[in-house]
Amino acid sequence: MTESGEVRTPASEPIRVLIVDDHELIRRSLALALAAEPDIEVVGEASDGQEAVELADRLMPDVALMDVRMPRQDGIEATKGIKASVPSTRIIMLTVSDEEEDLFEAIKAGATGYLLKDVQINDVPAAVRGVHEGQSLINPAMAAKLISEFANMSRKEAERPPQLPVPRLTEREMEVLRLVAKGMNNREIAKQLFISENTVKNHVRNILDKLQLHSRMEAVVYAVRERMLEIT
């Protein structure tokens, strides 16, 4: 059973995962942890960003675990390349870097999650399932830094003329987006708005469809840039 209560059946297609890291030991550890899960299949490994883009184009993974610092091409550039060629792939940045700039650039590039490498290896399968089911995945410390970056961006964008037209979101969709920007997950948003988690998921899906984006954090970046949201 998943965290959302969905029951997985043996007939379900496994989640296809691509592991990208220039350290073989880390790749091996991640592969072993994921291989133990019946609903996850490691379909490939890459040691740099350029190889990752090439493999993703061929293997069409559902989720990529991506290091930030790598030779030839870093994880942020690789994320851009993968999202351009395989938009459906959800990317988790798994890195030692907790720099705000890396986090923000990764989200802008299209990453769905951002985990530090001190995360327990046993927590990685749940992270893979979470982003595959449409969740954004950022630990609380990194979420606080991201919100700070959104606030800085909001102040800077206030000086720029807005780019029109922008898609119209409903009042409820804007409420959900504001709470996403505060780092809340679906459960917390549901509790705050007195609605179900499924309703939150539907609102998020509608927001992404209207904005033609792939992740919740991309939607926040867009909304701040186009002055749909102000974050202080």
Protein backbone atom coordinates (compact mmCIF):
# COMPACT_ATOMS: atom_id res chain seq x y z
CA MET A 1 0.00 0.00 0.00
CA THR A 2 1.30 3.47 -0.85
CA GLU A 3 1.36 6.47 1.49
CA SER A 4 -1.77 7.76 -0.24
CA GLY A 5 -3.60 4.51 0.53
CA GLU A 6 -3.39 3.10 -3.01
CA VAL A 7 -2.93 -0.67 -3.07
CA ARG A 8 -0.21 -1.85 -5.42
CA THR A 9 -0.84 -5.08 -7.27
CA PRO A 10 1.71 -7.44 -8.82
CA ALA A 11 0.27 -6.58 -12.24
CA SER A 12 1.26 -2.94 -11.86
CA GLU A 13 4.11 -1.80 -14.07
CA PRO A 14 7.23 -1.20 -11.96
CA ILE A 15 8.57 2.33 -11.61
CA ARG A 16 11.50 2.62 -14.03
CA VAL A 17 14.46 4.40 -12.41
CA LEU A 18 17.67 5.82 -13.87
CA ILE A 19 20.54 6.39 -11.38
CA VAL A 20 23.00 9.18 -12.19
CA ASP A 21 26.12 9.72 -10.07
CA ASP A 22 29.84 9.84 -10.82
CA HIS A 23 30.64 7.71 -7.76
CA GLU A 24 30.23 4.01 -8.45
CA LEU A 25 29.79 3.16 -4.77
CA ILE A 26 26.82 5.53 -4.48
CA ARG A 27 25.26 4.17 -7.66
CA ARG A 28 25.67 0.63 -6.34
CA SER A 29 24.15 1.47 -2.94
CA LEU A 30 21.13 3.13 -4.56
CA ALA A 31 20.70 0.27 -7.03
CA LEU A 32 20.77 -2.34 -4.25
CA ALA A 33 18.24 -0.42 -2.15
CA LEU A 34 15.87 -0.02 -5.09
CA ALA A 35 16.33 -3.56 -6.44
CA ALA A 36 14.88 -4.92 -3.19
CA GLU A 37 11.56 -3.21 -3.98
CA PRO A 38 9.13 -5.28 -6.11
CA ASP A 39 7.48 -2.19 -7.59
CA ILE A 40 10.74 -0.47 -8.67
CA GLU A 41 13.11 -1.43 -11.50
CA VAL A 42 16.53 0.16 -12.07
CA VAL A 43 16.74 0.40 -15.87
CA GLY A 44 20.10 2.14 -16.17
CA GLU A 45 23.03 3.91 -14.54
CA ALA A 46 25.04 6.90 -15.76
CA SER A 47 28.27 8.40 -14.42
CA ASP A 48 27.81 11.93 -15.81
CA GLY A 49 25.12 14.27 -17.07
CA GLN A 50 25.78 13.77 -20.76
CA GLU A 51 25.45 10.01 -20.46
CA ALA A 52 22.29 10.53 -18.38
CA VAL A 53 20.58 12.53 -21.14
CA GLU A 54 21.49 9.91 -23.75
CA LEU A 55 20.25 7.03 -21.57
CA ALA A 56 17.03 8.83 -20.61
CA ASP A 57 16.22 9.44 -24.26
CA ARG A 58 16.63 5.72 -24.97
CA LEU A 59 15.23 4.17 -21.77
CA MET A 60 12.36 6.59 -21.00
CA PRO A 61 12.64 6.25 -17.18
CA ASP A 62 9.79 7.29 -14.91
CA VAL A 63 12.19 8.70 -12.30
CA ALA A 64 15.85 9.77 -12.40
CA LEU A 65 18.01 10.06 -9.27
CA MET A 66 20.45 12.81 -10.24
CA ASP A 67 23.66 14.05 -8.63
CA VAL A 68 24.34 17.80 -8.98
CA ARG A 69 28.15 17.85 -9.25
CA MET A 70 29.44 15.64 -12.07
CA PRO A 71 32.08 15.76 -14.84
CA ARG A 72 31.35 16.59 -18.50
CA GLN A 73 27.85 17.85 -17.71
CA ASP A 74 26.42 18.65 -14.28
CA GLY A 75 23.09 17.46 -12.95
CA ILE A 76 21.27 20.73 -13.51
CA GLU A 77 22.17 20.85 -17.22
CA ALA A 78 21.33 17.15 -17.49
CA THR A 79 17.95 17.81 -15.87
CA LYS A 80 17.20 20.46 -18.49
CA GLY A 81 18.18 18.02 -21.24
CA ILE A 82 16.08 15.18 -19.88
CA LYS A 83 13.01 17.37 -19.34
CA ALA A 84 13.36 18.61 -22.94
CA SER A 85 13.53 15.12 -24.44
CA VAL A 86 11.47 13.09 -21.93
CA PRO A 87 9.15 15.55 -20.13
CA SER A 88 7.37 12.77 -18.24
CA THR A 89 10.53 11.77 -16.34
CA ARG A 90 10.48 13.06 -12.77
CA ILE A 91 13.88 13.98 -11.39
CA ILE A 92 15.14 13.83 -7.80
CA MET A 93 18.38 15.69 -7.15
CA LEU A 94 20.38 13.60 -4.67
CA THR A 95 23.40 15.60 -3.58
CA VAL A 96 25.74 16.75 -0.83
CA SER A 97 25.05 20.37 -1.81
CA ASP A 98 22.64 22.35 0.35
CA GLU A 99 23.41 25.65 -1.39
CA GLU A 100 20.31 27.76 -2.08
CA GLU A 101 21.49 28.51 -5.62
CA ASP A 102 21.82 24.81 -6.51
CA LEU A 103 18.38 24.08 -5.09
CA PHE A 104 16.73 26.95 -6.93
CA GLU A 105 18.48 26.19 -10.24
CA ALA A 106 17.49 22.53 -9.95
CA ILE A 107 13.82 23.42 -9.44
CA LYS A 108 13.90 25.88 -12.35
CA ALA A 109 15.48 23.17 -14.51
CA GLY A 110 12.51 20.91 -13.78
CA ALA A 111 13.55 18.78 -10.80
CA THR A 112 10.65 17.46 -8.72
CA GLY A 113 12.61 16.58 -5.60
CA TYR A 114 15.82 17.55 -3.84
CA LEU A 115 17.37 15.29 -1.21
CA LEU A 116 20.69 15.56 0.57
CA LYS A 117 22.95 12.51 0.52
CA ASP A 118 22.73 12.17 4.29
CA VAL A 119 19.21 10.81 3.75
CA GLN A 120 18.76 7.23 4.98
CA ILE A 121 19.18 4.86 2.04
CA ASN A 122 16.01 3.04 3.14
CA ASP A 123 14.06 6.27 2.56
CA VAL A 124 14.98 6.48 -1.13
CA PRO A 125 12.35 3.99 -2.43
CA ALA A 126 9.58 5.99 -0.73
CA ALA A 127 11.00 9.16 -2.31
CA VAL A 128 10.90 7.51 -5.74
CA ARG A 129 7.30 6.45 -5.23
CA GLY A 130 6.33 9.89 -3.98
CA VAL A 131 7.61 11.83 -6.99
CA HIS A 132 6.25 9.17 -9.36
CA GLU A 133 2.81 9.81 -7.84
CA GLY A 134 3.15 13.55 -8.43
CA GLN A 135 4.47 14.82 -5.11
CA SER A 136 7.25 17.36 -4.77
CA LEU A 137 9.97 16.15 -2.47
CA ILE A 138 12.07 18.61 -0.51
CA ASN A 139 13.13 18.15 3.10
CA PRO A 140 12.02 20.86 5.59
CA ALA A 141 15.44 22.55 5.84
CA MET A 142 15.72 22.84 2.06
CA ALA A 143 12.09 23.95 1.76
CA ALA A 144 12.83 26.88 4.07
CA LYS A 145 15.74 27.90 1.86
CA LEU A 146 13.59 27.56 -1.25
CA ILE A 147 10.87 29.78 0.23
CA SER A 148 13.56 32.37 0.99
CA GLU A 149 14.69 32.24 -2.65
CA PHE A 150 11.07 32.64 -3.81
CA ALA A 151 10.76 35.74 -1.62
CA ASN A 152 13.95 37.21 -3.11
CA MET A 153 12.70 36.42 -6.59
CA SER A 154 9.34 38.01 -5.85
CA ARG A 155 11.00 41.27 -4.78
CA LYS A 156 13.18 41.33 -7.90
CA GLU A 157 10.30 40.55 -10.24
CA ALA A 158 8.24 43.39 -8.76
CA GLU A 159 10.57 45.77 -10.62
CA ARG A 160 9.94 44.12 -14.01
CA PRO A 161 6.90 44.81 -16.22
CA PRO A 162 4.57 41.77 -16.15
CA GLN A 163 4.45 39.54 -19.22
CA LEU A 164 0.86 39.22 -20.43
CA PRO A 165 -1.27 37.30 -20.94
CA VAL A 166 -0.91 34.69 -18.20
CA PRO A 167 -3.27 31.73 -17.68
CA ARG A 168 -6.09 32.38 -15.23
CA LEU A 169 -6.32 30.19 -12.17
CA THR A 170 -9.42 29.91 -10.00
CA GLU A 171 -9.42 31.39 -6.50
CA ARG A 172 -9.12 27.92 -4.99
CA GLU A 173 -6.25 27.01 -7.30
CA MET A 174 -4.44 30.17 -6.22
CA GLU A 175 -5.00 29.22 -2.56
CA VAL A 176 -3.44 25.82 -3.22
CA LEU A 177 -0.51 27.37 -5.09
CA ARG A 178 0.19 29.81 -2.25
CA LEU A 179 0.37 26.90 0.20
CA VAL A 180 2.63 24.92 -2.15
CA ALA A 181 4.91 27.97 -2.20
CA LYS A 182 5.06 27.80 1.61
CA GLY A 183 6.48 24.29 1.39
CA MET A 184 3.32 22.42 2.39
CA ASN A 185 2.65 18.90 1.12
CA ASN A 186 -0.73 17.62 -0.06
CA ARG A 187 -1.77 16.40 3.39
CA GLU A 188 -0.95 19.74 5.03
CA ILE A 189 -2.75 21.69 2.29
CA ALA A 190 -5.83 19.47 2.66
CA LYS A 191 -5.89 20.08 6.40
CA GLN A 192 -5.42 23.84 5.96
CA LEU A 193 -8.24 24.16 3.41
CA PHE A 194 -10.56 21.51 4.94
CA ILE A 195 -10.60 19.45 1.74
CA SER A 196 -9.45 15.93 0.86
CA GLU A 197 -5.96 15.04 -0.36
CA ASN A 198 -7.48 13.83 -3.65
CA THR A 199 -9.08 17.25 -4.13
CA VAL A 200 -5.69 18.88 -3.54
CA LYS A 201 -4.13 16.55 -6.12
CA ASN A 202 -6.85 17.49 -8.62
CA HIS A 203 -6.22 21.20 -8.05
CA VAL A 204 -2.47 20.74 -8.50
CA ARG A 205 -3.05 18.77 -11.70
CA ASN A 206 -5.33 21.51 -13.04
CA ILE A 207 -2.74 24.18 -12.17
CA LEU A 208 0.01 22.30 -14.01
CA ASP A 209 -2.26 21.70 -17.02
CA LYS A 210 -3.19 25.38 -17.25
CA LEU A 211 0.41 26.56 -16.88
CA GLN A 212 1.72 23.74 -19.11
CA LEU A 213 4.35 22.79 -16.52
CA HIS A 214 5.54 19.51 -15.04
CA SER A 215 6.04 20.11 -11.31
CA ARG A 216 4.59 22.04 -8.39
CA MET A 217 7.78 24.01 -7.84
CA GLU A 218 7.99 24.99 -11.50
CA ALA A 219 4.47 26.36 -11.07
CA VAL A 220 5.55 28.45 -8.08
CA VAL A 221 8.57 29.82 -9.98
CA TYR A 222 6.31 30.72 -12.91
CA ALA A 223 3.67 32.32 -10.68
CA VAL A 224 6.25 34.44 -8.88
CA ARG A 225 7.89 35.48 -12.14
CA GLU A 226 4.57 36.50 -13.68
CA ARG A 227 3.45 38.23 -10.46
CA MET A 228 0.57 35.85 -9.86
CA LEU A 229 2.05 35.26 -6.39
CA GLU A 230 3.82 37.54 -3.95
CA ILE A 231 5.96 35.86 -1.33
CA THR A 232 7.33 37.83 1.58
